[in-house]
Amino acid sequence: MGNRSLHGVNLTGWLTLESWVTPELFAGAGALDEESLVTALGERRYADCVRAHRREFVTRDEFVKIAARGFNAVRLPVPWYVYGDDGPEPGPYVGCIELVDQALGWAEEIGLKVIFALAINPGAPHTDNGISPDNADCHIAREEMLDVVYALSRRYASRMGFFGIELADDPVVQVRHGLMLTDGVPIHRLRNYYREAYELVRNAAGEDPVVIMPDAAFPGGWGRFMAQRHYKNVWLDCHLDRASVRVDVSGPAGVRRLVAALERRVHDARRSGMQVMVGKWSSSLPIADSQMTPEGRIALERVYTSEQIGAYEKCPAWFFNTWKTSGKLASWDARVALATFERGMIV
């Protein structure tokens, strides 16, 4: 792809289930996540549900539509149980390596690049899609996660559509506030995991694939980390889809101040010496104004979207979260949120 930036979409909620993407899969069972869905449905019904969902939710036609809309890449969350019974901790979860193969084949046929994101969240509270390999309460060891990273890198090393691999999704690091430490994984342990995983990717696939590391919402914590000559093609990832900045966004000026704050977050991450991508962003304004009309909010979210596209222009990649939701959530579903934007703005 040369020096052209990647502008793409996440395929959230396809291979890993997300209740906000497909709430209908969870509502009838009274479940909030995939782990509780297994308990509610039982292993057999759960497996049937997952297979049917994966078969129908994303097809080759979706990849065609993504490319036709002007995107040139997808970020695909891949579950830690992608290898099923051949992977770590055989259990109720349904493997999907054949669908990863198929997705990469569709992407190559259509001309899209693919970044695989290992759907683990070191340091986060334990859930089915939030495995914490460095937490004491986690039943999946870090070594087993590294085995999955190596296996995926080796499997796709020679594939044209394989652009890179992201080593986690949304890790949470410990932060000190005075004498108190927040919950999360110690940052030195996350760094060690990143270094070990990097070496495995290079051993399996050489220097071409980009190795991507989430900044864990701690953009200033990566100075002088893996930016030396020894490390090739390493990026840091900022997730900006749920802005936590407190700004009055009741008008266009406030929206622009919010986007400026997000730009500073990216700027802080760049001090690491690595290139910085935005792995998740959305059109959802963080603060709802009770006085704002629905039409007014739609107008402001269009401003928010446009300003973000411009703000992330210098990043090597950005990915909207997400391509598809079953309810067509206006601020999160790219088919809706970006429908009125010209293809040229995306490219």
Protein backbone atom coordinates (compact mmCIF):
# COMPACT_ATOMS: atom_id res chain seq x y z
CA MET A 1 0.00 0.00 0.00
CA GLY A 2 3.06 2.21 -0.03
CA ASN A 3 2.79 5.41 2.01
CA ARG A 4 -0.98 5.58 1.79
CA SER A 5 -2.67 5.73 5.18
CA LEU A 6 -5.14 3.10 6.24
CA HIS A 7 -8.68 4.42 6.66
CA GLY A 8 -10.95 1.65 7.78
CA VAL A 9 -13.57 0.24 10.07
CA ASN A 10 -13.63 -2.19 12.95
CA LEU A 11 -15.55 -5.43 12.57
CA THR A 12 -16.61 -5.38 16.21
CA GLY A 13 -19.12 -7.93 17.40
CA TRP A 14 -18.58 -10.48 14.64
CA LEU A 15 -16.07 -13.11 15.82
CA THR A 16 -16.38 -11.89 19.42
CA LEU A 17 -19.89 -11.12 20.61
CA GLU A 18 -20.68 -7.62 21.92
CA SER A 19 -24.04 -6.87 23.52
CA TRP A 20 -24.08 -3.26 22.26
CA VAL A 21 -23.57 -4.45 18.67
CA THR A 22 -26.14 -7.27 18.69
CA PRO A 23 -28.31 -6.85 21.81
CA GLU A 24 -30.90 -9.29 20.49
CA LEU A 25 -28.46 -12.18 21.06
CA PHE A 26 -28.27 -11.34 24.76
CA ALA A 27 -31.64 -9.87 25.73
CA GLY A 28 -33.67 -13.06 25.67
CA ALA A 29 -31.08 -14.86 27.79
CA GLY A 30 -30.70 -12.04 30.28
CA ALA A 31 -26.96 -11.98 29.61
CA LEU A 32 -24.57 -9.05 29.27
CA ASP A 33 -21.47 -10.74 27.90
CA GLU A 34 -20.41 -13.91 26.13
CA GLU A 35 -19.42 -15.70 29.32
CA SER A 36 -22.83 -15.21 30.91
CA LEU A 37 -24.47 -16.12 27.59
CA VAL A 38 -22.83 -19.56 27.78
CA THR A 39 -24.22 -20.02 31.29
CA ALA A 40 -27.70 -18.84 30.32
CA LEU A 41 -28.06 -20.87 27.11
CA GLY A 42 -25.97 -23.92 27.83
CA GLU A 43 -23.01 -24.95 25.71
CA ARG A 44 -24.95 -26.52 22.82
CA ARG A 45 -27.45 -23.68 22.31
CA TYR A 46 -24.68 -21.13 22.75
CA ALA A 47 -22.57 -22.83 20.07
CA ASP A 48 -25.51 -22.93 17.65
CA CYS A 49 -26.24 -19.24 18.34
CA VAL A 50 -22.63 -18.17 17.75
CA ARG A 51 -22.25 -20.16 14.53
CA ALA A 52 -25.48 -18.76 13.09
CA HIS A 53 -24.49 -15.20 14.03
CA ARG A 54 -21.03 -15.47 12.50
CA ARG A 55 -22.44 -16.98 9.32
CA GLU A 56 -24.97 -14.18 8.79
CA PHE A 57 -23.62 -11.00 10.41
CA VAL A 58 -20.58 -10.40 8.16
CA THR A 59 -20.35 -11.85 4.68
CA ARG A 60 -18.27 -11.18 1.59
CA ASP A 61 -20.89 -8.64 0.56
CA GLU A 62 -20.05 -6.55 3.63
CA PHE A 63 -16.41 -6.42 2.54
CA VAL A 64 -17.52 -5.28 -0.91
CA LYS A 65 -19.60 -2.50 0.65
CA ILE A 66 -16.72 -1.43 2.90
CA ALA A 67 -14.43 -1.02 -0.10
CA ALA A 68 -17.13 0.69 -2.18
CA ARG A 69 -17.59 3.25 0.60
CA GLY A 70 -13.95 4.26 0.22
CA PHE A 71 -12.29 2.38 3.06
CA ASN A 72 -9.07 0.48 2.39
CA ALA A 73 -8.71 -1.59 5.56
CA VAL A 74 -10.49 -3.42 8.36
CA ARG A 75 -9.46 -3.99 11.95
CA LEU A 76 -10.66 -7.46 12.92
CA PRO A 77 -10.89 -8.42 16.62
CA VAL A 78 -9.82 -12.06 16.91
CA PRO A 79 -10.78 -13.96 20.08
CA TRP A 80 -8.18 -15.69 22.20
CA TYR A 81 -10.12 -18.91 21.57
CA VAL A 82 -9.77 -18.53 17.78
CA TYR A 83 -8.23 -22.03 17.54
CA GLY A 84 -11.03 -23.66 19.51
CA ASP A 85 -10.03 -26.92 21.15
CA ASP A 86 -6.56 -26.62 19.58
CA GLY A 87 -5.90 -23.40 21.48
CA PRO A 88 -5.56 -22.47 25.15
CA GLU A 89 -8.11 -23.69 27.67
CA PRO A 90 -10.42 -25.85 25.51
CA GLY A 91 -13.95 -25.16 26.67
CA PRO A 92 -17.34 -23.90 25.60
CA TYR A 93 -16.18 -21.10 23.30
CA VAL A 94 -16.36 -21.74 19.57
CA GLY A 95 -13.19 -21.40 17.51
CA CYS A 96 -13.24 -19.47 14.25
CA ILE A 97 -9.86 -19.76 12.50
CA GLU A 98 -11.57 -20.79 9.26
CA LEU A 99 -13.56 -17.53 9.32
CA VAL A 100 -10.36 -15.54 9.85
CA ASP A 101 -8.96 -17.33 6.80
CA GLN A 102 -12.10 -16.49 4.86
CA ALA A 103 -12.10 -12.84 5.93
CA LEU A 104 -8.50 -12.39 4.83
CA GLY A 105 -9.31 -14.06 1.51
CA TRP A 106 -12.24 -11.69 0.91
CA ALA A 107 -10.08 -8.70 1.84
CA GLU A 108 -7.32 -9.71 -0.55
CA GLU A 109 -9.77 -10.34 -3.36
CA ILE A 110 -11.39 -6.91 -2.89
CA GLY A 111 -8.21 -4.97 -2.14
CA LEU A 112 -8.47 -4.32 1.61
CA LYS A 113 -5.72 -4.62 4.20
CA VAL A 114 -6.40 -6.40 7.49
CA ILE A 115 -5.13 -5.73 10.99
CA PHE A 116 -5.83 -8.54 13.43
CA ALA A 117 -6.48 -7.34 16.99
CA LEU A 118 -6.15 -10.01 19.68
CA ALA A 119 -9.30 -9.50 21.74
CA ILE A 120 -7.74 -9.60 25.19
CA ASN A 121 -7.75 -6.79 27.74
CA PRO A 122 -4.84 -7.17 30.18
CA GLY A 123 -5.68 -5.60 33.51
CA ALA A 124 -9.39 -5.25 32.83
CA PRO A 125 -12.04 -6.95 34.97
CA HIS A 126 -12.35 -10.56 33.87
CA THR A 127 -15.00 -11.19 31.24
CA ASP A 128 -15.22 -13.54 28.30
CA ASN A 129 -13.74 -11.01 25.87
CA GLY A 130 -11.59 -9.30 28.48
CA ILE A 131 -9.08 -11.97 29.38
CA SER A 132 -6.38 -10.52 31.60
CA PRO A 133 -3.20 -12.58 31.11
CA ASP A 134 -1.31 -10.75 33.85
CA ASN A 135 -4.03 -10.77 36.51
CA ALA A 136 -4.01 -13.36 39.27
CA ASP A 137 -7.68 -14.20 38.76
CA CYS A 138 -7.24 -15.08 35.11
CA HIS A 139 -7.27 -18.67 33.97
CA ILE A 140 -5.38 -17.97 30.73
CA ALA A 141 -1.62 -17.68 31.13
CA ARG A 142 0.41 -15.09 29.26
CA GLU A 143 2.46 -17.85 27.64
CA GLU A 144 -0.70 -19.23 26.06
CA MET A 145 -1.59 -15.81 24.70
CA LEU A 146 1.87 -15.54 23.21
CA ASP A 147 1.34 -18.94 21.54
CA VAL A 148 -1.76 -17.53 19.81
CA VAL A 149 0.15 -14.42 18.66
CA TYR A 150 2.89 -16.60 17.21
CA ALA A 151 0.48 -19.01 15.53
CA LEU A 152 -1.52 -16.23 13.86
CA SER A 153 1.63 -14.45 12.67
CA ARG A 154 3.09 -17.62 11.22
CA ARG A 155 -0.18 -18.64 9.57
CA TYR A 156 -0.55 -15.35 7.69
CA ALA A 157 3.10 -14.34 7.26
CA SER A 158 3.10 -14.57 3.46
CA ARG A 159 -0.39 -13.21 2.83
CA MET A 160 -0.69 -9.92 0.94
CA GLY A 161 -3.70 -8.76 2.95
CA PHE A 162 -2.05 -9.26 6.34
CA PHE A 163 -0.93 -5.76 7.30
CA GLY A 164 -0.24 -6.27 10.99
CA ILE A 165 -1.30 -7.58 14.36
CA GLU A 166 -2.40 -5.70 17.47
CA LEU A 167 -1.28 -7.43 20.65
CA ALA A 168 -4.35 -6.58 22.78
CA ASP A 169 -7.54 -4.57 22.51
CA ASP A 170 -8.26 -2.40 25.57
CA PRO A 171 -5.71 -3.06 28.32
CA VAL A 172 -6.01 -1.24 31.63
CA VAL A 173 -2.83 -0.23 33.47
CA GLN A 174 -2.34 0.63 37.12
CA VAL A 175 -2.06 4.34 37.79
CA ARG A 176 -0.80 5.82 41.04
CA HIS A 177 -2.84 8.54 42.74
CA GLY A 178 -0.90 9.56 45.82
CA LEU A 179 -0.52 6.43 47.92
CA MET A 180 -3.25 4.55 46.03
CA LEU A 181 -2.95 2.36 42.95
CA THR A 182 -5.89 1.91 40.61
CA ASP A 183 -6.90 -1.56 39.43
CA GLY A 184 -5.15 -2.83 36.35
CA VAL A 185 -1.98 -4.50 35.14
CA PRO A 186 1.37 -2.97 36.20
CA ILE A 187 2.71 -1.16 33.17
CA HIS A 188 6.08 -2.92 33.32
CA ARG A 189 4.30 -6.27 32.93
CA LEU A 190 2.35 -4.99 29.94
CA ARG A 191 5.60 -3.71 28.41
CA ASN A 192 7.21 -7.11 28.91
CA TYR A 193 4.27 -8.79 27.21
CA TYR A 194 4.57 -6.38 24.27
CA ARG A 195 8.31 -7.04 23.92
CA GLU A 196 7.90 -10.81 24.03
CA ALA A 197 5.04 -10.72 21.54
CA TYR A 198 7.02 -8.47 19.20
CA GLU A 199 9.88 -10.96 19.07
CA LEU A 200 7.48 -13.81 18.33
CA VAL A 201 5.83 -11.89 15.47
CA ARG A 202 9.24 -11.14 13.96
CA ASN A 203 10.35 -14.77 14.32
CA ALA A 204 7.16 -15.99 12.69
CA ALA A 205 6.56 -13.38 9.98
CA GLY A 206 9.68 -11.25 9.53
CA GLU A 207 9.84 -7.45 9.62
CA ASP A 208 7.03 -6.55 7.22
CA PRO A 209 3.91 -6.85 9.43
CA VAL A 210 3.26 -3.88 11.69
CA VAL A 211 3.19 -4.75 15.38
CA ILE A 212 0.68 -2.54 17.20
CA MET A 213 0.36 -1.91 20.93
CA PRO A 214 -2.60 -0.15 22.58
CA ASP A 215 -1.50 2.74 24.79
CA ALA A 216 -3.94 1.60 27.53
CA ALA A 217 -5.35 5.15 27.78
CA PHE A 218 -1.95 6.18 29.16
CA PRO A 219 -0.33 8.03 26.23
CA GLY A 220 2.51 9.46 28.31
CA GLY A 221 3.68 6.08 29.59
CA TRP A 222 5.61 4.88 26.55
CA GLY A 223 8.59 7.23 26.29
CA ARG A 224 11.73 5.50 25.03
CA PHE A 225 9.83 2.23 24.76
CA MET A 226 10.53 0.11 21.66
CA ALA A 227 11.40 3.17 19.59
CA GLN A 228 15.07 2.25 19.18
CA ARG A 229 16.59 0.97 15.95
CA HIS A 230 16.20 -2.59 17.14
CA TYR A 231 12.42 -2.43 16.71
CA LYS A 232 10.91 -2.23 13.23
CA ASN A 233 7.38 -1.32 12.20
CA VAL A 234 5.95 -0.74 15.67
CA TRP A 235 2.92 1.50 16.24
CA LEU A 236 1.08 2.74 19.29
CA ASP A 237 -2.72 2.74 19.23
CA CYS A 238 -4.98 5.36 20.83
CA HIS A 239 -8.64 4.46 21.30
CA LEU A 240 -10.75 7.62 21.16
CA ASP A 241 -14.26 6.25 20.65
CA ARG A 242 -15.34 7.05 24.21
CA ALA A 243 -13.96 10.49 24.91
CA SER A 244 -13.66 11.15 28.65
CA VAL A 245 -12.79 14.82 28.25
CA ARG A 246 -15.21 17.18 30.01
CA VAL A 247 -16.03 19.89 27.51
CA ASP A 248 -19.24 21.80 26.85
CA VAL A 249 -20.27 20.41 23.46
CA SER A 250 -23.54 22.28 23.12
CA GLY A 251 -22.22 24.09 20.04
CA PRO A 252 -19.65 23.73 17.22
CA ALA A 253 -16.97 25.61 19.16
CA GLY A 254 -17.24 23.14 22.04
CA VAL A 255 -17.03 20.21 19.66
CA ARG A 256 -13.84 21.63 18.18
CA ARG A 257 -12.36 22.05 21.66
CA LEU A 258 -13.16 18.40 22.31
CA VAL A 259 -11.43 17.34 19.11
CA ALA A 260 -8.43 19.51 20.02
CA ALA A 261 -8.21 17.59 23.31
CA LEU A 262 -8.25 14.30 21.40
CA GLU A 263 -5.49 15.63 19.12
CA ARG A 264 -3.39 16.39 22.20
CA ARG A 265 -3.89 12.79 23.31
CA VAL A 266 -2.44 11.60 19.99
CA HIS A 267 0.37 14.16 20.25
CA ASP A 268 1.28 12.91 23.74
CA ALA A 269 1.42 9.35 22.44
CA ARG A 270 3.77 10.39 19.62
CA ARG A 271 6.35 11.40 22.20
CA SER A 272 7.06 7.68 22.46
CA GLY A 273 8.90 7.93 19.16
CA MET A 274 6.50 5.49 17.54
CA GLN A 275 3.90 6.15 14.89
CA VAL A 276 0.44 6.48 16.43
CA MET A 277 -2.80 5.20 14.93
CA VAL A 278 -6.36 5.67 16.13
CA GLY A 279 -7.75 2.16 16.40
CA LYS A 280 -11.25 3.21 17.48
CA TRP A 281 -13.20 6.42 17.10
CA SER A 282 -16.88 7.21 16.78
CA SER A 283 -19.33 10.02 16.12
CA SER A 284 -20.82 9.81 19.61
CA LEU A 285 -20.58 13.02 21.60
CA PRO A 286 -19.68 12.17 25.21
CA ILE A 287 -22.19 14.47 26.92
CA ALA A 288 -25.91 14.54 26.21
CA ASP A 289 -27.51 17.98 26.50
CA SER A 290 -31.14 17.68 27.61
CA GLN A 291 -31.92 20.97 25.87
CA MET A 292 -30.57 19.80 22.54
CA THR A 293 -33.03 18.66 19.87
CA PRO A 294 -32.40 15.39 18.04
CA GLU A 295 -31.78 17.39 14.86
CA GLY A 296 -29.31 19.60 16.68
CA ARG A 297 -27.41 16.61 18.02
CA ILE A 298 -27.24 15.06 14.54
CA ALA A 299 -25.82 18.31 13.19
CA LEU A 300 -23.21 18.54 15.96
CA GLU A 301 -22.20 14.91 15.53
CA ARG A 302 -21.61 15.59 11.85
CA VAL A 303 -19.29 18.44 12.85
CA TYR A 304 -17.62 16.10 15.36
CA THR A 305 -17.11 13.44 12.70
CA SER A 306 -15.75 15.87 10.12
CA GLU A 307 -13.34 17.45 12.62
CA GLN A 308 -12.04 14.04 13.68
CA ILE A 309 -11.39 12.96 10.10
CA GLY A 310 -9.24 16.06 9.70
CA ALA A 311 -7.55 15.64 13.07
CA TYR A 312 -6.40 12.09 12.39
CA GLU A 313 -5.21 12.82 8.86
CA LYS A 314 -1.52 12.55 9.76
CA CYS A 315 -1.92 9.20 11.51
CA PRO A 316 -0.75 6.14 9.57
CA ALA A 317 -4.19 4.59 10.19
CA TRP A 318 -7.60 5.19 11.72
CA PHE A 319 -10.56 2.87 12.17
CA PHE A 320 -14.14 3.88 12.86
CA ASN A 321 -15.92 1.80 15.50
CA THR A 322 -17.72 -0.01 13.97
CA TRP A 323 -18.87 -1.01 10.47
CA LYS A 324 -22.16 -2.61 11.51
CA THR A 325 -24.60 -2.83 14.42
CA SER A 326 -27.87 -4.72 14.20
CA GLY A 327 -29.82 -1.66 15.38
CA LYS A 328 -27.92 0.79 13.14
CA LEU A 329 -26.73 2.91 16.05
CA ALA A 330 -26.40 6.33 14.50
CA SER A 331 -23.13 7.39 16.13
CA TRP A 332 -21.39 4.01 16.10
CA ASP A 333 -22.43 2.32 12.86
CA ALA A 334 -20.28 3.54 9.97
CA ARG A 335 -23.06 2.80 7.49
CA VAL A 336 -25.11 5.49 9.24
CA ALA A 337 -22.57 7.86 10.77
CA LEU A 338 -20.54 8.28 7.59
CA ALA A 339 -23.35 7.86 5.06
CA THR A 340 -23.49 11.55 4.14
CA PHE A 341 -19.74 12.03 3.85
CA GLU A 342 -18.20 12.08 0.41
CA ARG A 343 -15.93 9.18 -0.43
CA GLY A 344 -13.10 11.65 -0.99
CA MET A 345 -13.17 12.72 2.66
CA ILE A 346 -12.62 9.15 3.78
CA VAL A 347 -9.91 8.31 1.27
